[in-house]
Every structure is written in structure tokens, then in C-alpha cells.
Amino acid sequence: MFLSLFSSACNDEILDIQPTDQLTDATVWSNAANAGLFLNDIYNSLNPGPQSTVFTNLPSEISNDPLDNFSDNSIGGSLAGIPSYVNFASGSYGPSTPIFPGHWDSMYKAIRKCNVFIENVSPADYDANVKKSYIAQARFLRAYFYKQLMNLYGGVPIITKSLNQSEDGESIFQARNSYEECVAFLQTECEEAATDLPLKVTAAEAGRVTKGAALALKGEAELYASKWEDAAATNLKIINLGAGYDLFADYAGLFYVANENNKEVIFDIQYAANVKPEVKEGYWNPVKTTDGTSFGSVNPTQDMVDTYEFLDGKTEAEGSALFDPSNPYANRDKRFAASIIYDGATWKGGVINTRLGIANNRNQLDESGSGGGTRTGYWLGKIIDPSIVPRVSAGQNSIIWRYADVLLNYAEAKNENTGPDQSIYDAINKLRTRGGLPNLTTGLTQDQMREKIRRERRVELFFEGKRLFDLWRWRIAEDVFSKPLSAMKITVVAGKLVYQKQPAGGAKVTFDKSKNYLMPIPAAVIAQNPKITQNPGY
């Protein structure tokens, strides 16, 4: 009897004990600190690009097949199976064979977390300022996830409450909103969120959303939607925000671990080795470096190299007096050497050679596109931190927006809206000065300025995942991909290097302008929700 009563009493007490290593639905909203842990989990869902499913289920911007490989900036190395080569370049993708099959579901799972958070925090009895900050952060995050969907698919269903099929039945299935409705939604969400977000955060809070981040998302969404007046106004607001944003002096170094969260960074996704790691160094480096090996999955194109001006402000095609056909990489925009590893370049304390004729050289040009070397004669240098050993867990942050984005977004939107004025020259010249280039020639027409801005954008934002969307929104992809992307073949003849441009191995991109300006919505999504209509042509 005593034993029975004692056991009963103990069991009652045990039932009242709350676990200390996890949060139940009953306790997660009981105080602001617990709710903050839920918010942290939403931050953990942030992705710097759509998810790949090849080799590593990682966002494209830290995986083996980054978004610039889906453009004319770079092509995938000879690593078998990567979507940019197997699917995108061949045009063999569709609803049943999507390039980013899990991206839709991942984003809507993250959006649902935001909706659950907002619904539960809104009525909670927390400190008013804490509550406002929490909700503003969640609204930004939700807008971010929506923009990730919109970039690929256009209009998508706008869902702002948590859905439960067992309670709501078939009403949980919603049709797509128009792209214009989605843009308007992001504009409102970001503008209102910015009101309750701080101008700056402490070092301990690095990675959390600020006013500048909310406005940067809004301004880019407006730019992509060709809402020129709105985009110019929003990006000008960031320029005049007083948050201390400015260009970091060292273009190469601004991406390195030692300089994380510098004054140019407006919003980045935080990584930490062995906690939330990234392993892009094992994918993006040249195949053989002084400290290890990589898959070499990024090969910048000759087309990209030809975009960089020489220090007199002209390209080879424009007749630069500084172009030397026997030494074509000298006297270039400083951003060239900070972005692209070329034949004879120093990298990680060694020299990288892509020329043919050196025995056992794993970094040389692979003309066939299947032999393991570079398919273009170049390797990637930008963003990769040379202090990080390839294939070792690393924690380099991924920058989503920086002050250079704002200057470029402002310049483009302002030029499209009103034509050239001094503020546009000032924005572009600031970037050119860091690159060691002369100022733009004055008196440019709107069309001439447009071309200058587009070139500047391509150079400055090379390998930051923006080029594909620029090709799409400018509607120039069918022209860009109408010819094979190019490579540089270097041979030694009579003791001298001979440089020859030629098509890159396997680098012809099949592009159907009737449908390929958007990605197909995965067939599995439409099978689950018949109200979702497929993008045209798929």
C-alpha cells in the first residue's frame, strides 16, 4: 500500500516536470525567451539560393552547382550529374524533372513557421518592444522566402496563416497569386517591418534583420519587377539611411571570414564550422591547390573575362590601348584578379597554370569538357577564402545584399525612370574607383548608360547569384545563349605563350524563350494542389 501510494505520488510529480532540452507547444509561447528560440529556428531555414539535390542537399550558393553556372558567367566543371550541365544547358528540365525539386516545399515549410510564429506572438503578453521586433523579423523572413520562390516561378500562392488540413479541409489549397500581387505584398511587408527594425545590431546579434535589410529586399523586388520609381526611391532611402554602410576597401577581402560583417554588408546568412557549416571550398577551388584538392565545379567563361575593362576604361573589344595579346591579363580592372584565377595567377601560395603542355597538371584546360580540368581555361577566385582548406568544415557567411547592390540597384532604377543624372554617375563611379577604373564619360544617353550599368553590375556582382535573374528580367537570355560560351586555350609555341579563344567544351546552352524565362513548377506540387497552374510552355 505504501509503495503503491509512493509510486502514485512520484508519477504525478514526474508528469508535472517540463523537459529542459526541448520546448513543447504549451511552453514555447509562454515567454519571450522561448519564442525567441523558435525565431532562431526560422533564421536557420535561411538559404542563399535554391536547394540542389546533387551530392549535397545544400543551397546552390554554397554547393557544387552555384547559380552563376546557370548563366554566361561560368559553367559547371566536369563533375558528373550537376544540373547546370546535365539539365539546364541541355534544356532537359520540366515539371517531372525540375532542377530544384525540393525548393518549393522547403520555402513553404519556412513560410509556415513564420505564420505560426506571428499568430502566436501577436496576442502574447510580452514586452511591447520585444514583440514588435519579433514580428518585424518574422515578416521580413517570410518575405525573403517568398522572394526566393518568386525569383524562380513568378507568382505563387500568398499564405499568411498556418494551415491545417484536418481542420480546414480542402480550403488549404490555394491558387497562385499574380506576380504583381506578390510584389505588392513584399513591398508592404518590408516597408512595415522596417519601421520596427533597428538601424544596427550589436556584434552578438550579427545576422539579424535590420532596417537596411528589409529595405534591400524591398528594393531588389521592385527592381526585378521593373517598378523603377519605387526601386529608385527605396534604394536611395538606404543610401541616406545613416546606418554607416559604405564600400569595403578590399574587394576580394570583403567576403573573407576575417572581414565578416564589415561595413559593406547589409544582410548575410551566418555559418559556423561544425555547427552550421558550409563546404564550398571543396567544390569551387581549382582541382589541385597547395593545400588540397577540390572538385573544380566552377569554370568562369571567356565571355566573363572579356567583360572586365582595362585600366583605361575600355575592353579589348572597345580597342583598349592597354590590351596586350601576349599578356592579356595585365592592366585589368582590379576586380578581375580578385574574381578569376587565370593562367599564371598566384593562389594559396602557389601558381595555377591552365595552359596545355605541363605534365601531370590537373588544372589545365580540358577541351572535351569531361576530363577533370577546367572547361574554360579559368578557375574561380571570388568569395573563396584562401585561408580555408578545401573539404574541411568551414563557417564563411554568405552575403545576400551589400552596399554595392544598393548603388547598382539605385543607378539602374533611376536611369530607367528618368535617364542619366549626376546621382547615377556618382553611384557607378564609386564602384569603378574601387576597381581602379576611370569615371564614366559624361554626357551618356539613357541607352548608353543602361549598357554601362549592366556591365558594371555583371562585373561587380559576379558570382553572387544575380546574373541568371538579370538575364531573365532583361529578356536577353535567348541572345546570350544563341552562341556557345567561350574558353581560352593557351599553348606554348617556340617558347612563347599563344592565346586562342574557342568554344568551351559542352558549353552550348539550349534556351527556349517561350518558356525558359521561368522555372517549371514541380509536377508533385500540382499533383498535391490542382489549383496551382503550371508556368506557360511546360
Protein backbone atom coordinates (compact mmCIF):
# COMPACT_ATOMS: atom_id res chain seq x y z
CA MET A 1 0.00 0.00 0.00
CA PHE A 2 2.75 2.45 0.96
CA LEU A 3 4.70 1.51 -2.10
CA SER A 4 1.65 1.99 -4.26
CA LEU A 5 0.88 5.45 -2.87
CA PHE A 6 4.51 6.49 -3.10
CA SER A 7 4.67 5.40 -6.69
CA SER A 8 1.48 7.27 -7.49
CA ALA A 9 2.75 10.47 -5.91
CA CYS A 10 6.06 10.24 -7.72
CA ASN A 11 4.33 9.65 -11.02
CA ASP A 12 2.19 12.76 -10.53
CA GLU A 13 5.31 14.82 -9.90
CA ILE A 14 7.06 13.33 -12.90
CA LEU A 15 4.15 14.26 -15.10
CA ASP A 16 4.47 17.88 -13.97
CA ILE A 17 8.19 18.15 -14.83
CA GLN A 18 8.89 20.09 -18.02
CA PRO A 19 11.75 18.83 -20.24
CA THR A 20 14.74 21.14 -20.15
CA ASP A 21 16.20 20.20 -23.53
CA GLN A 22 13.14 20.81 -25.70
CA LEU A 23 10.14 23.11 -25.99
CA THR A 24 6.59 21.82 -26.11
CA ASP A 25 3.82 23.65 -27.90
CA ALA A 26 2.47 24.62 -24.47
CA THR A 27 5.71 26.20 -23.31
CA VAL A 28 7.21 27.66 -26.48
CA TRP A 29 4.92 30.71 -26.37
CA SER A 30 4.88 31.04 -22.57
CA ASN A 31 7.61 33.66 -22.56
CA ALA A 32 9.58 35.79 -24.99
CA ALA A 33 12.82 33.89 -24.48
CA ASN A 34 11.27 30.61 -25.56
CA ALA A 35 9.60 32.29 -28.52
CA GLY A 36 13.00 33.68 -29.46
CA LEU A 37 14.30 30.14 -29.82
CA PHE A 38 11.52 29.44 -32.32
CA LEU A 39 12.52 32.59 -34.22
CA ASN A 40 16.13 31.41 -34.26
CA ASP A 41 14.97 28.20 -35.89
CA ILE A 42 13.36 30.24 -38.69
CA TYR A 43 16.66 32.04 -39.23
CA ASN A 44 18.24 28.60 -39.50
CA SER A 45 15.96 27.96 -42.51
CA LEU A 46 17.51 30.84 -44.47
CA ASN A 47 19.06 29.83 -47.75
CA PRO A 48 21.37 31.84 -50.03
CA GLY A 49 19.97 30.13 -53.12
CA PRO A 50 17.60 27.37 -54.23
CA GLN A 51 18.46 23.93 -52.95
CA SER A 52 20.39 21.46 -55.03
CA THR A 53 19.92 17.71 -54.60
CA VAL A 54 23.18 16.56 -56.17
CA PHE A 55 25.95 15.31 -53.86
CA THR A 56 24.86 17.65 -51.06
CA ASN A 57 21.39 18.88 -50.28
CA LEU A 58 22.68 22.41 -49.82
CA PRO A 59 21.59 25.81 -51.13
CA SER A 60 23.13 26.38 -54.53
CA GLU A 61 25.30 29.28 -53.37
CA ILE A 62 27.34 27.03 -51.10
CA SER A 63 27.03 23.77 -53.05
CA ASN A 64 28.72 22.16 -56.03
CA ASP A 65 26.49 23.94 -58.58
CA PRO A 66 26.02 27.65 -57.79
CA LEU A 67 23.58 29.88 -59.67
CA ASP A 68 26.19 31.60 -61.84
CA ASN A 69 26.71 28.22 -63.52
CA PHE A 70 23.18 28.76 -64.87
CA SER A 71 24.31 31.84 -66.79
CA ASP A 72 27.03 33.08 -69.12
CA ASN A 73 29.32 33.92 -66.20
CA SER A 74 30.55 30.40 -65.52
CA ILE A 75 29.86 26.80 -66.36
CA GLY A 76 29.96 23.69 -64.23
CA GLY A 77 33.14 21.67 -64.15
CA SER A 78 33.24 18.13 -65.45
CA LEU A 79 31.75 16.74 -62.26
CA ALA A 80 29.12 14.26 -63.41
CA GLY A 81 25.45 14.91 -62.76
CA ILE A 82 25.39 18.58 -61.85
CA PRO A 83 22.11 20.16 -63.01
CA SER A 84 23.58 23.23 -64.73
CA TYR A 85 25.38 20.91 -67.16
CA VAL A 86 23.09 17.88 -67.38
CA ASN A 87 19.71 19.66 -67.27
CA PHE A 88 19.97 23.42 -67.74
CA ALA A 89 22.46 23.55 -70.61
CA SER A 90 20.65 20.80 -72.50
CA GLY A 91 17.20 22.25 -71.84
CA SER A 92 16.12 18.88 -70.42
CA TYR A 93 14.20 20.12 -67.42
CA GLY A 94 10.48 20.31 -66.84
CA PRO A 95 7.74 19.64 -64.27
CA SER A 96 8.74 15.98 -63.89
CA THR A 97 12.47 16.73 -63.97
CA PRO A 98 12.87 20.05 -62.10
CA ILE A 99 16.32 21.41 -61.41
CA PHE A 100 15.48 22.44 -57.85
CA PRO A 101 12.89 19.81 -56.86
CA GLY A 102 12.78 20.46 -53.12
CA HIS A 103 12.88 24.24 -53.21
CA TRP A 104 9.12 24.86 -53.32
CA ASP A 105 8.42 22.64 -50.32
CA SER A 106 11.36 23.98 -48.34
CA MET A 107 10.26 27.57 -48.77
CA TYR A 108 6.63 26.89 -47.86
CA LYS A 109 7.71 24.97 -44.75
CA ALA A 110 9.73 28.01 -43.71
CA ILE A 111 6.79 30.32 -44.55
CA ARG A 112 4.52 28.20 -42.36
CA LYS A 113 6.96 28.57 -39.47
CA CYS A 114 6.74 32.36 -39.91
CA ASN A 115 2.94 32.24 -39.94
CA VAL A 116 2.83 30.09 -36.79
CA PHE A 117 5.24 32.44 -35.07
CA ILE A 118 3.32 35.61 -35.95
CA GLU A 119 -0.02 34.07 -34.94
CA ASN A 120 1.26 33.07 -31.51
CA VAL A 121 3.42 36.07 -30.72
CA SER A 122 0.82 38.67 -31.74
CA PRO A 123 -1.54 38.00 -28.77
CA ALA A 124 1.22 37.10 -26.30
CA ASP A 125 1.87 39.16 -23.18
CA TYR A 126 5.49 40.06 -23.96
CA ASP A 127 7.31 43.34 -23.64
CA ALA A 128 5.85 45.58 -26.36
CA ASN A 129 9.20 46.41 -27.94
CA VAL A 130 10.29 42.78 -27.98
CA LYS A 131 7.02 41.77 -29.58
CA LYS A 132 7.30 44.42 -32.28
CA SER A 133 10.86 43.36 -33.07
CA TYR A 134 9.97 39.68 -33.19
CA ILE A 135 7.05 40.18 -35.54
CA ALA A 136 9.03 42.52 -37.79
CA GLN A 137 11.81 39.96 -38.09
CA ALA A 138 9.35 37.19 -38.91
CA ARG A 139 7.62 39.32 -41.55
CA PHE A 140 10.97 40.00 -43.21
CA LEU A 141 11.90 36.32 -43.14
CA ARG A 142 8.57 35.35 -44.64
CA ALA A 143 9.05 37.95 -47.38
CA TYR A 144 12.54 36.60 -48.03
CA PHE A 145 11.23 33.06 -48.52
CA TYR A 146 8.51 34.34 -50.84
CA LYS A 147 11.04 36.23 -52.94
CA GLN A 148 13.10 33.06 -53.29
CA LEU A 149 10.04 31.43 -54.83
CA MET A 150 9.12 34.42 -56.99
CA ASN A 151 12.62 34.61 -58.47
CA LEU A 152 12.22 31.16 -59.98
CA TYR A 153 8.50 30.73 -60.57
CA GLY A 154 6.85 34.16 -60.79
CA GLY A 155 3.57 34.46 -58.92
CA VAL A 156 2.95 31.98 -56.10
CA PRO A 157 0.17 31.50 -53.53
CA ILE A 158 0.39 34.11 -50.77
CA ILE A 159 -0.39 32.34 -47.49
CA THR A 160 -0.30 34.39 -44.30
CA LYS A 161 -1.83 31.98 -41.80
CA SER A 162 -0.92 28.48 -40.67
CA LEU A 163 -2.98 25.87 -42.48
CA ASN A 164 -4.20 22.55 -41.10
CA GLN A 165 -5.89 20.13 -43.47
CA SER A 166 -7.54 18.15 -40.67
CA GLU A 167 -9.28 21.35 -39.54
CA ASP A 168 -9.60 23.36 -42.76
CA GLY A 169 -10.09 20.57 -45.29
CA GLU A 170 -9.71 21.38 -48.97
CA SER A 171 -9.69 25.12 -48.28
CA ILE A 172 -5.97 24.90 -47.56
CA PHE A 173 -5.33 24.58 -51.30
CA GLN A 174 -4.94 28.00 -52.85
CA ALA A 175 -4.37 29.21 -56.38
CA ARG A 176 -1.34 31.25 -57.36
CA ASN A 177 -1.38 34.98 -56.82
CA SER A 178 -0.16 37.05 -59.72
CA TYR A 179 3.45 38.19 -59.75
CA GLU A 180 2.26 41.77 -59.36
CA GLU A 181 0.25 40.84 -56.26
CA CYS A 182 3.28 39.09 -54.80
CA VAL A 183 5.49 42.14 -55.38
CA ALA A 184 2.91 44.41 -53.76
CA PHE A 185 2.78 42.04 -50.79
CA LEU A 186 6.56 42.16 -50.38
CA GLN A 187 6.55 45.94 -50.63
CA THR A 188 4.05 46.28 -47.80
CA GLU A 189 5.64 43.61 -45.61
CA CYS A 190 9.14 45.02 -45.92
CA GLU A 191 8.14 48.67 -45.50
CA GLU A 192 6.12 47.94 -42.38
CA ALA A 193 8.74 45.58 -40.97
CA ALA A 194 11.46 48.20 -41.46
CA THR A 195 9.56 50.57 -39.19
CA ASP A 196 10.06 48.22 -36.24
CA LEU A 197 13.56 47.02 -37.03
CA PRO A 198 16.77 48.55 -35.67
CA LEU A 199 19.18 50.61 -37.72
CA LYS A 200 22.06 48.46 -36.49
CA VAL A 201 22.58 45.36 -34.35
CA THR A 202 25.34 44.51 -31.92
CA ALA A 203 28.15 42.13 -32.84
CA ALA A 204 26.47 39.46 -30.73
CA GLU A 205 23.31 39.84 -32.83
CA ALA A 206 25.10 39.79 -36.20
CA GLY A 207 22.93 38.20 -38.87
CA ARG A 208 19.65 39.53 -37.50
CA VAL A 209 17.49 41.69 -39.69
CA THR A 210 17.87 45.48 -39.75
CA LYS A 211 16.03 48.33 -41.45
CA GLY A 212 18.58 48.23 -44.23
CA ALA A 213 18.00 44.53 -44.86
CA ALA A 214 14.23 44.95 -45.10
CA LEU A 215 14.62 47.87 -47.50
CA ALA A 216 17.24 45.98 -49.56
CA LEU A 217 14.81 43.10 -50.06
CA LYS A 218 12.07 45.54 -51.00
CA GLY A 219 14.30 47.49 -53.37
CA GLU A 220 15.52 44.40 -55.18
CA ALA A 221 11.98 43.03 -55.52
CA GLU A 222 10.91 46.36 -57.04
CA LEU A 223 13.88 46.36 -59.39
CA TYR A 224 13.16 42.82 -60.60
CA ALA A 225 9.53 43.85 -61.20
CA SER A 226 10.60 46.93 -63.22
CA LYS A 227 8.93 49.24 -60.71
CA TRP A 228 11.58 51.81 -61.46
CA GLU A 229 10.33 54.78 -59.47
CA ASP A 230 9.71 52.65 -56.38
CA ALA A 231 13.04 50.86 -56.68
CA ALA A 232 14.98 54.11 -57.05
CA ALA A 233 13.23 55.62 -54.02
CA THR A 234 13.77 52.57 -51.82
CA ASN A 235 17.45 52.20 -52.66
CA LEU A 236 18.01 55.93 -52.20
CA LYS A 237 16.44 55.58 -48.77
CA ILE A 238 19.11 53.01 -47.89
CA ILE A 239 21.87 55.29 -49.20
CA ASN A 240 20.58 58.08 -46.94
CA LEU A 241 19.69 55.81 -44.01
CA GLY A 242 22.64 56.76 -41.83
CA ALA A 243 23.43 53.15 -40.95
CA GLY A 244 27.13 53.52 -41.79
CA TYR A 245 27.06 51.43 -44.98
CA ASP A 246 29.94 52.02 -47.36
CA LEU A 247 32.20 50.09 -49.72
CA PHE A 248 34.83 47.95 -48.05
CA ALA A 249 38.26 48.93 -49.37
CA ASP A 250 39.37 45.40 -50.29
CA TYR A 251 37.04 43.91 -52.92
CA ALA A 252 38.47 40.39 -52.57
CA GLY A 253 38.71 40.50 -48.80
CA LEU A 254 35.19 41.73 -48.11
CA PHE A 255 33.97 38.11 -48.45
CA TYR A 256 36.63 36.53 -46.21
CA VAL A 257 35.99 35.17 -42.74
CA ALA A 258 38.38 37.70 -41.17
CA ASN A 259 36.24 40.55 -42.50
CA GLU A 260 32.76 39.19 -41.89
CA ASN A 261 30.02 41.67 -41.03
CA ASN A 262 32.06 44.58 -42.39
CA LYS A 263 30.57 47.97 -43.24
CA GLU A 264 29.54 46.91 -46.75
CA VAL A 265 27.39 44.01 -45.56
CA ILE A 266 23.68 44.77 -45.26
CA PHE A 267 22.43 41.23 -44.76
CA ASP A 268 24.16 37.88 -44.74
CA ILE A 269 23.40 34.32 -43.72
CA GLN A 270 25.57 33.20 -40.86
CA TYR A 271 27.52 29.95 -40.92
CA ALA A 272 29.76 28.33 -38.33
CA ALA A 273 32.18 25.46 -38.81
CA ASN A 274 30.89 22.16 -37.38
CA VAL A 275 27.67 23.87 -36.22
CA LYS A 276 26.06 25.20 -39.39
CA PRO A 277 28.90 24.51 -41.81
CA GLU A 278 29.48 25.12 -45.49
CA VAL A 279 31.90 23.18 -47.67
CA LYS A 280 32.01 25.18 -50.89
CA GLU A 281 35.80 25.39 -50.81
CA GLY A 282 35.92 21.69 -51.67
CA TYR A 283 33.77 22.34 -54.73
CA TRP A 284 34.84 25.73 -56.08
CA ASN A 285 38.64 25.76 -55.80
CA PRO A 286 40.89 24.66 -58.67
CA VAL A 287 41.24 20.89 -58.78
CA LYS A 288 44.72 20.97 -57.22
CA THR A 289 45.98 23.60 -54.80
CA THR A 290 48.92 23.74 -52.40
CA ASP A 291 46.72 22.63 -49.50
CA GLY A 292 44.47 20.01 -51.06
CA THR A 293 42.13 19.08 -53.86
CA SER A 294 38.71 20.24 -54.99
CA PHE A 295 36.08 19.17 -57.49
CA GLY A 296 36.71 22.34 -59.54
CA SER A 297 32.99 22.69 -60.21
CA VAL A 298 33.10 26.36 -61.28
CA ASN A 299 34.75 27.47 -64.51
CA PRO A 300 34.38 31.18 -65.35
CA THR A 301 33.89 31.78 -69.06
CA GLN A 302 35.97 33.77 -71.51
CA ASP A 303 32.79 35.77 -72.06
CA MET A 304 33.00 36.87 -68.43
CA VAL A 305 36.73 37.66 -68.69
CA ASP A 306 36.07 39.85 -71.75
CA THR A 307 33.60 41.89 -69.70
CA TYR A 308 36.35 43.30 -67.47
CA GLU A 309 37.73 46.61 -68.66
CA PHE A 310 41.37 47.55 -68.74
CA LEU A 311 42.57 50.41 -66.57
CA ASP A 312 41.87 52.93 -69.34
CA GLY A 313 38.15 52.16 -69.05
CA LYS A 314 37.84 50.15 -72.25
CA THR A 315 37.56 46.45 -73.04
CA GLU A 316 39.56 44.57 -75.66
CA ALA A 317 36.54 44.80 -78.00
CA GLU A 318 36.43 48.56 -77.47
CA GLY A 319 40.07 48.91 -78.53
CA SER A 320 41.80 49.41 -75.19
CA ALA A 321 45.33 50.66 -75.69
CA LEU A 322 46.38 48.61 -72.66
CA PHE A 323 45.40 45.26 -74.13
CA ASP A 324 48.47 43.14 -74.88
CA PRO A 325 47.65 39.95 -76.82
CA SER A 326 50.80 38.33 -75.43
CA ASN A 327 49.82 39.24 -71.86
CA PRO A 328 46.03 39.66 -71.89
CA TYR A 329 45.52 39.62 -68.13
CA ALA A 330 47.68 42.63 -67.26
CA ASN A 331 46.33 46.13 -66.56
CA ARG A 332 42.77 44.97 -65.85
CA ASP A 333 40.09 46.21 -63.50
CA LYS A 334 41.28 45.15 -60.03
CA ARG A 335 38.14 43.07 -59.64
CA PHE A 336 39.33 40.73 -62.37
CA ALA A 337 42.26 39.27 -60.45
CA ALA A 338 40.15 39.26 -57.28
CA SER A 339 37.50 37.16 -59.02
CA ILE A 340 39.09 34.86 -61.57
CA ILE A 341 42.12 32.58 -61.39
CA TYR A 342 43.86 32.68 -64.77
CA ASP A 343 46.96 31.03 -66.19
CA GLY A 344 49.98 32.12 -64.16
CA ALA A 345 47.95 33.53 -61.27
CA THR A 346 49.14 33.06 -57.70
CA TRP A 347 46.66 31.22 -55.48
CA LYS A 348 47.17 29.82 -52.00
CA GLY A 349 50.91 30.39 -52.20
CA GLY A 350 51.31 28.54 -55.49
CA VAL A 351 50.97 29.25 -59.20
CA ILE A 352 47.94 27.94 -61.09
CA ASN A 353 48.59 27.07 -64.73
CA THR A 354 45.79 26.28 -67.14
CA ARG A 355 47.98 26.17 -70.26
CA LEU A 356 48.47 22.91 -72.10
CA GLY A 357 51.76 21.04 -72.13
CA ILE A 358 52.65 20.80 -68.44
CA ALA A 359 52.95 17.20 -67.30
CA ASN A 360 50.58 15.98 -64.58
CA ASN A 361 48.85 19.36 -64.42
CA ARG A 362 45.35 18.70 -63.07
CA ASN A 363 44.35 22.37 -63.50
CA GLN A 364 44.90 22.65 -67.26
CA LEU A 365 42.26 23.27 -69.89
CA ASP A 366 40.05 20.28 -70.65
CA GLU A 367 38.83 20.88 -74.20
CA SER A 368 36.47 17.91 -74.16
CA GLY A 369 34.64 19.05 -71.06
CA SER A 370 34.87 15.61 -69.47
CA GLY A 371 38.44 15.08 -68.41
CA GLY A 372 38.54 16.70 -64.99
CA GLY A 373 40.28 20.00 -65.75
CA THR A 374 38.78 23.43 -66.39
CA ARG A 375 36.40 23.54 -69.34
CA THR A 376 37.13 27.24 -69.93
CA GLY A 377 40.77 27.81 -69.00
CA TYR A 378 39.81 29.60 -65.79
CA TRP A 379 39.01 28.84 -62.16
CA LEU A 380 37.04 30.80 -59.60
CA GLY A 381 38.80 33.11 -57.16
CA LYS A 382 36.00 35.32 -55.83
CA ILE A 383 34.35 34.59 -52.49
CA ILE A 384 36.59 31.58 -51.81
CA ASP A 385 38.66 32.33 -48.72
CA PRO A 386 42.21 31.12 -49.45
CA SER A 387 42.80 30.51 -45.74
CA ILE A 388 40.21 27.72 -45.72
CA VAL A 389 41.46 24.24 -46.59
CA PRO A 390 39.31 22.52 -49.23
CA ARG A 391 36.90 19.84 -47.97
CA VAL A 392 37.16 21.00 -44.36
CA SER A 393 34.08 22.16 -42.47
CA ALA A 394 34.04 25.94 -42.69
CA GLY A 395 31.88 28.79 -41.49
CA GLN A 396 32.16 31.58 -44.06
CA ASN A 397 28.98 33.67 -44.17
CA SER A 398 27.02 34.13 -47.40
CA ILE A 399 26.37 37.78 -48.22
CA ILE A 400 22.89 38.35 -49.65
CA TRP A 401 22.94 42.14 -50.00
CA ARG A 402 25.78 44.58 -49.66
CA TYR A 403 26.12 48.30 -50.28
CA ALA A 404 27.31 47.69 -53.84
CA ASP A 405 23.92 46.08 -54.59
CA VAL A 406 22.18 49.22 -53.41
CA LEU A 407 24.32 51.52 -55.57
CA LEU A 408 23.74 49.35 -58.64
CA ASN A 409 20.02 48.92 -57.97
CA TYR A 410 19.60 52.65 -57.48
CA ALA A 411 21.55 53.53 -60.62
CA GLU A 412 19.61 51.13 -62.83
CA ALA A 413 16.19 52.10 -61.49
CA LYS A 414 16.93 55.83 -61.62
CA ASN A 415 18.25 55.61 -65.18
CA GLU A 416 15.23 53.62 -66.36
CA ASN A 417 12.86 56.02 -64.64
CA THR A 418 14.32 59.43 -65.55
CA GLY A 419 17.50 58.92 -67.55
CA PRO A 420 21.08 59.79 -66.51
CA ASP A 421 21.77 62.37 -63.83
CA GLN A 422 24.70 63.10 -61.54
CA SER A 423 23.48 60.77 -58.80
CA ILE A 424 23.76 57.82 -61.21
CA TYR A 425 27.29 58.79 -62.21
CA ASP A 426 28.21 59.12 -58.54
CA ALA A 427 26.87 55.65 -57.68
CA ILE A 428 28.61 53.87 -60.55
CA ASN A 429 31.85 55.83 -60.30
CA LYS A 430 32.15 54.90 -56.64
CA LEU A 431 32.31 51.23 -57.64
CA ARG A 432 34.67 51.91 -60.54
CA THR A 433 37.06 53.81 -58.29
CA ARG A 434 37.45 50.77 -56.05
CA GLY A 435 38.22 48.76 -59.17
CA GLY A 436 40.91 51.22 -60.22
CA LEU A 437 38.94 52.42 -63.27
CA PRO A 438 38.37 55.96 -64.53
CA ASN A 439 34.99 57.61 -64.10
CA LEU A 440 32.32 57.11 -66.71
CA THR A 441 32.40 59.50 -69.64
CA THR A 442 29.88 62.30 -69.10
CA GLY A 443 27.01 63.03 -71.44
CA LEU A 444 25.83 59.45 -71.87
CA THR A 445 22.36 58.85 -73.27
CA GLN A 446 19.89 56.69 -71.39
CA ASP A 447 20.66 53.71 -73.66
CA GLN A 448 24.41 54.19 -73.29
CA MET A 449 24.09 54.49 -69.53
CA ARG A 450 21.96 51.34 -69.46
CA GLU A 451 24.74 49.35 -71.09
CA LYS A 452 27.36 50.79 -68.73
CA ILE A 453 25.24 49.93 -65.69
CA ARG A 454 24.59 46.40 -66.91
CA ARG A 455 28.30 45.80 -67.49
CA GLU A 456 29.16 47.26 -64.10
CA ARG A 457 26.52 45.07 -62.47
CA ARG A 458 27.85 41.94 -64.11
CA VAL A 459 31.41 42.67 -63.03
CA GLU A 460 30.69 43.87 -59.50
CA LEU A 461 28.19 41.13 -58.65
CA PHE A 462 29.96 38.32 -60.47
CA PHE A 463 29.30 35.03 -58.75
CA GLU A 464 26.79 36.39 -56.25
CA GLY A 465 23.81 34.58 -57.77
CA LYS A 466 22.27 37.57 -59.54
CA ARG A 467 23.21 37.05 -63.20
CA LEU A 468 20.54 34.45 -64.07
CA PHE A 469 17.77 36.72 -62.83
CA ASP A 470 19.28 39.68 -64.69
CA LEU A 471 19.29 37.69 -67.95
CA TRP A 472 15.67 36.78 -67.32
CA ARG A 473 14.32 40.19 -66.34
CA TRP A 474 16.19 41.99 -69.14
CA ARG A 475 14.86 39.37 -71.57
CA ILE A 476 18.27 38.89 -73.18
CA ALA A 477 18.87 35.21 -72.37
CA GLU A 478 17.89 33.96 -75.84
CA ASP A 479 20.50 36.28 -77.37
CA VAL A 480 23.20 35.48 -74.81
CA PHE A 481 22.72 31.74 -75.22
CA SER A 482 22.39 31.82 -79.02
CA LYS A 483 26.11 31.03 -79.34
CA PRO A 484 28.38 28.69 -77.37
CA LEU A 485 30.09 30.10 -74.30
CA SER A 486 33.80 30.52 -74.80
CA ALA A 487 37.09 29.36 -73.33
CA MET A 488 40.76 30.26 -73.55
CA LYS A 489 43.23 27.75 -74.94
CA ILE A 490 46.87 28.53 -74.12
CA THR A 491 49.73 26.67 -75.76
CA VAL A 492 53.48 27.15 -75.85
CA VAL A 493 54.88 27.73 -79.35
CA ALA A 494 58.61 28.42 -79.82
CA GLY A 495 58.88 29.22 -76.15
CA LYS A 496 56.07 31.78 -76.18
CA LEU A 497 52.54 31.57 -74.90
CA VAL A 498 49.85 31.67 -77.56
CA TYR A 499 46.32 32.61 -76.53
CA GLN A 500 43.37 31.34 -78.55
CA LYS A 501 39.69 31.89 -77.78
CA GLN A 502 37.42 28.99 -78.65
CA PRO A 503 34.06 27.45 -77.68
CA ALA A 504 34.17 25.75 -74.30
CA GLY A 505 33.65 22.01 -74.22
CA GLY A 506 29.95 21.22 -73.86
CA ALA A 507 29.06 24.88 -73.26
CA LYS A 508 26.15 25.44 -75.63
CA VAL A 509 23.04 26.31 -73.66
CA THR A 510 19.66 25.38 -75.12
CA PHE A 511 17.20 28.14 -74.22
CA ASP A 512 13.55 28.28 -75.26
CA LYS A 513 12.33 31.86 -74.95
CA SER A 514 8.70 30.69 -74.98
CA LYS A 515 9.08 29.12 -71.54
CA ASN A 516 12.58 29.24 -70.03
CA TYR A 517 12.28 32.71 -68.50
CA LEU A 518 10.73 30.91 -65.52
CA MET A 519 11.37 27.52 -64.00
CA PRO A 520 8.65 24.87 -64.16
CA ILE A 521 6.67 24.25 -61.03
CA PRO A 522 7.39 20.66 -59.95
CA ALA A 523 4.70 18.20 -61.03
CA ALA A 524 4.48 16.92 -57.45
CA VAL A 525 3.33 20.36 -56.29
CA ILE A 526 0.49 20.48 -58.81
CA ALA A 527 -0.49 16.88 -58.05
CA GLN A 528 -0.88 17.88 -54.42
CA ASN A 529 -2.75 21.11 -55.20
CA PRO A 530 -4.67 21.08 -58.51
CA LYS A 531 -5.42 24.80 -58.13
CA ILE A 532 -1.78 25.55 -58.96
CA THR A 533 -1.41 26.34 -62.66
CA GLN A 534 1.82 25.48 -64.46
CA ASN A 535 4.04 28.16 -65.97
CA PRO A 536 3.47 28.65 -69.73
CA GLY A 537 5.11 26.19 -72.08
CA TYR A 538 5.79 23.40 -69.59
